[in-house]
Amino acid sequence: MTCVETDLEKSKVSRVVAQLLKKGLLQKQDDPADQRSFHLSLTASGRKLYWAMYADAVARNEQWMAVLPKKQRVQFLASLDRLMQHSQRLLEEERKAVATVRQTRVTRN
């Protein structure tokens, strides 16, 4: 996955990756097919931290949602899903519009 695909700023991702590599949470492997690219993966320590954070997030979400009866939880989650899908469509439309503007600029030059 690239910074473009995730809509993340390359310089910020680069700094975070450098920090995670320094802490031993990520490992970097060169891509033999493309000298400009590399692959990142979690180390054993990185996986351990990931799963601890994941378990904490699940517990916090359960605690947060506990105030709602089951029927309202289902409705709430369905509404969130619908909003996320709509947001993704809007973002894709925005990306297409930006790409069109860029292409128009390139064509004019």
C-alpha atoms as a PDB file:
ATOM      1  CA  MET A   1       0.000   0.000   0.000  1.00  0.00           C
ATOM      2  CA  THR A   2       1.319   3.453  -0.825  1.00  0.00           C
ATOM      3  CA  CYS A   3       0.893   6.872   0.773  1.00  0.00           C
ATOM      4  CA  VAL A   4      -1.382   7.822  -2.130  1.00  0.00           C
ATOM      5  CA  GLU A   5      -3.639   4.818  -1.552  1.00  0.00           C
ATOM      6  CA  THR A   6      -3.929   5.574   2.154  1.00  0.00           C
ATOM      7  CA  ASP A   7      -4.213   9.360   1.669  1.00  0.00           C
ATOM      8  CA  LEU A   8      -1.300   9.953   4.066  1.00  0.00           C
ATOM      9  CA  GLU A   9       1.360  12.624   3.753  1.00  0.00           C
ATOM     10  CA  LYS A  10       4.616  10.977   2.661  1.00  0.00           C
ATOM     11  CA  SER A  11       6.888  13.027   4.950  1.00  0.00           C
ATOM     12  CA  LYS A  12       4.833  12.213   8.046  1.00  0.00           C
ATOM     13  CA  VAL A  13       4.714   8.514   7.181  1.00  0.00           C
ATOM     14  CA  SER A  14       8.467   8.539   6.630  1.00  0.00           C
ATOM     15  CA  ARG A  15       9.100   9.992  10.103  1.00  0.00           C
ATOM     16  CA  VAL A  16       6.748   7.517  11.794  1.00  0.00           C
ATOM     17  CA  VAL A  17       8.307   4.585   9.940  1.00  0.00           C
ATOM     18  CA  ALA A  18      11.797   5.738  10.958  1.00  0.00           C
ATOM     19  CA  GLN A  19      10.713   5.901  14.603  1.00  0.00           C
ATOM     20  CA  LEU A  20       9.096   2.446  14.482  1.00  0.00           C
ATOM     21  CA  LEU A  21      12.183   0.966  12.821  1.00  0.00           C
ATOM     22  CA  LYS A  22      14.420   2.561  15.479  1.00  0.00           C
ATOM     23  CA  LYS A  23      12.226   1.098  18.253  1.00  0.00           C
ATOM     24  CA  GLY A  24      12.395  -2.355  16.661  1.00  0.00           C
ATOM     25  CA  LEU A  25       8.663  -2.539  15.989  1.00  0.00           C
ATOM     26  CA  LEU A  26       9.029  -2.658  12.187  1.00  0.00           C
ATOM     27  CA  GLN A  27      11.436  -4.372   9.846  1.00  0.00           C
ATOM     28  CA  LYS A  28      12.282  -3.171   6.360  1.00  0.00           C
ATOM     29  CA  GLN A  29      13.003  -5.381   3.357  1.00  0.00           C
ATOM     30  CA  ASP A  30      14.077  -4.080  -0.042  1.00  0.00           C
ATOM     31  CA  ASP A  31      11.844  -4.887  -2.990  1.00  0.00           C
ATOM     32  CA  PRO A  32      13.970  -6.805  -5.497  1.00  0.00           C
ATOM     33  CA  ALA A  33      11.551  -5.876  -8.298  1.00  0.00           C
ATOM     34  CA  ASP A  34      11.837  -2.114  -7.682  1.00  0.00           C
ATOM     35  CA  GLN A  35      14.932  -0.527  -6.149  1.00  0.00           C
ATOM     36  CA  ARG A  36      12.914   2.523  -5.099  1.00  0.00           C
ATOM     37  CA  SER A  37      10.470   0.441  -3.053  1.00  0.00           C
ATOM     38  CA  PHE A  38      10.616  -1.622   0.100  1.00  0.00           C
ATOM     39  CA  HIS A  39       8.305  -3.721   2.234  1.00  0.00           C
ATOM     40  CA  LEU A  40       7.550  -3.105   5.898  1.00  0.00           C
ATOM     41  CA  SER A  41       6.342  -5.683   8.366  1.00  0.00           C
ATOM     42  CA  LEU A  42       5.887  -5.870  12.107  1.00  0.00           C
ATOM     43  CA  THR A  43       8.575  -7.513  14.186  1.00  0.00           C
ATOM     44  CA  ALA A  44       7.606  -9.896  16.993  1.00  0.00           C
ATOM     45  CA  SER A  45       7.683  -6.919  19.378  1.00  0.00           C
ATOM     46  CA  GLY A  46       5.562  -4.909  16.953  1.00  0.00           C
ATOM     47  CA  ARG A  47       2.961  -7.679  16.714  1.00  0.00           C
ATOM     48  CA  LYS A  48       2.861  -8.009  20.505  1.00  0.00           C
ATOM     49  CA  LEU A  49       2.271  -4.263  20.876  1.00  0.00           C
ATOM     50  CA  TYR A  50      -0.331  -4.275  18.084  1.00  0.00           C
ATOM     51  CA  TRP A  51      -2.372  -7.040  19.708  1.00  0.00           C
ATOM     52  CA  ALA A  52      -2.153  -5.386  23.138  1.00  0.00           C
ATOM     53  CA  MET A  53      -3.421  -2.119  21.658  1.00  0.00           C
ATOM     54  CA  TYR A  54      -6.116  -3.967  19.717  1.00  0.00           C
ATOM     55  CA  ALA A  55      -7.360  -5.764  22.846  1.00  0.00           C
ATOM     56  CA  ASP A  56      -7.430  -2.449  24.714  1.00  0.00           C
ATOM     57  CA  ALA A  57      -9.398  -0.785  21.905  1.00  0.00           C
ATOM     58  CA  VAL A  58     -11.932  -3.624  21.817  1.00  0.00           C
ATOM     59  CA  ALA A  59     -12.395  -3.424  25.595  1.00  0.00           C
ATOM     60  CA  ARG A  60     -12.836   0.349  25.487  1.00  0.00           C
ATOM     61  CA  ASN A  61     -15.343   0.104  22.640  1.00  0.00           C
ATOM     62  CA  GLU A  62     -17.350  -2.493  24.530  1.00  0.00           C
ATOM     63  CA  GLN A  63     -17.331  -0.291  27.616  1.00  0.00           C
ATOM     64  CA  TRP A  64     -18.371   2.736  25.562  1.00  0.00           C
ATOM     65  CA  MET A  65     -21.181   0.880  23.760  1.00  0.00           C
ATOM     66  CA  ALA A  66     -22.477  -0.774  26.945  1.00  0.00           C
ATOM     67  CA  VAL A  67     -24.736   2.209  27.591  1.00  0.00           C
ATOM     68  CA  LEU A  68     -26.846   1.314  24.533  1.00  0.00           C
ATOM     69  CA  PRO A  69     -29.377  -1.526  24.455  1.00  0.00           C
ATOM     70  CA  LYS A  70     -28.611  -4.194  21.831  1.00  0.00           C
ATOM     71  CA  LYS A  71     -31.152  -2.859  19.307  1.00  0.00           C
ATOM     72  CA  GLN A  72     -29.719   0.659  19.525  1.00  0.00           C
ATOM     73  CA  ARG A  73     -26.164  -0.709  19.166  1.00  0.00           C
ATOM     74  CA  VAL A  74     -27.169  -2.446  15.957  1.00  0.00           C
ATOM     75  CA  GLN A  75     -28.802   0.732  14.639  1.00  0.00           C
ATOM     76  CA  PHE A  76     -25.824   2.858  15.659  1.00  0.00           C
ATOM     77  CA  LEU A  77     -23.295   0.549  13.997  1.00  0.00           C
ATOM     78  CA  ALA A  78     -25.417   0.337  10.847  1.00  0.00           C
ATOM     79  CA  SER A  79     -25.575   4.140  10.732  1.00  0.00           C
ATOM     80  CA  LEU A  80     -21.801   4.385  11.167  1.00  0.00           C
ATOM     81  CA  ASP A  81     -21.301   1.883   8.369  1.00  0.00           C
ATOM     82  CA  ARG A  82     -23.572   3.878   6.075  1.00  0.00           C
ATOM     83  CA  LEU A  83     -21.752   7.113   6.921  1.00  0.00           C
ATOM     84  CA  MET A  84     -18.365   5.470   6.271  1.00  0.00           C
ATOM     85  CA  GLN A  85     -19.493   4.175   2.887  1.00  0.00           C
ATOM     86  CA  HIS A  86     -20.818   7.606   1.964  1.00  0.00           C
ATOM     87  CA  SER A  87     -17.591   9.266   3.118  1.00  0.00           C
ATOM     88  CA  GLN A  88     -15.563   6.844   1.010  1.00  0.00           C
ATOM     89  CA  ARG A  89     -17.670   7.664  -2.058  1.00  0.00           C
ATOM     90  CA  LEU A  90     -17.225  11.397  -1.458  1.00  0.00           C
ATOM     91  CA  LEU A  91     -13.485  10.970  -1.010  1.00  0.00           C
ATOM     92  CA  GLU A  92     -13.242   8.966  -4.233  1.00  0.00           C
ATOM     93  CA  GLU A  93     -15.188  11.665  -6.095  1.00  0.00           C
ATOM     94  CA  GLU A  94     -12.821  14.280  -4.679  1.00  0.00           C
ATOM     95  CA  ARG A  95      -9.758  12.266  -5.741  1.00  0.00           C
ATOM     96  CA  LYS A  96     -11.159  11.899  -9.252  1.00  0.00           C
ATOM     97  CA  ALA A  97     -11.835  15.639  -9.458  1.00  0.00           C
ATOM     98  CA  VAL A  98      -8.293  16.446  -8.317  1.00  0.00           C
ATOM     99  CA  ALA A  99      -6.867  13.972 -10.845  1.00  0.00           C
ATOM    100  CA  THR A 100      -8.939  15.583 -13.598  1.00  0.00           C
ATOM    101  CA  VAL A 101      -7.680  19.061 -12.660  1.00  0.00           C
ATOM    102  CA  ARG A 102      -4.081  17.818 -12.629  1.00  0.00           C
ATOM    103  CA  GLN A 103      -4.523  16.114 -15.982  1.00  0.00           C
ATOM    104  CA  THR A 104      -6.019  19.309 -17.425  1.00  0.00           C
ATOM    105  CA  ARG A 105      -3.009  21.304 -16.181  1.00  0.00           C
ATOM    106  CA  VAL A 106      -0.574  18.789 -17.727  1.00  0.00           C
ATOM    107  CA  THR A 107      -2.457  18.830 -21.040  1.00  0.00           C
ATOM    108  CA  ARG A 108      -2.391  22.650 -21.182  1.00  0.00           C
ATOM    109  CA  ASN A 109       1.376  22.774 -20.636  1.00  0.00           C
END
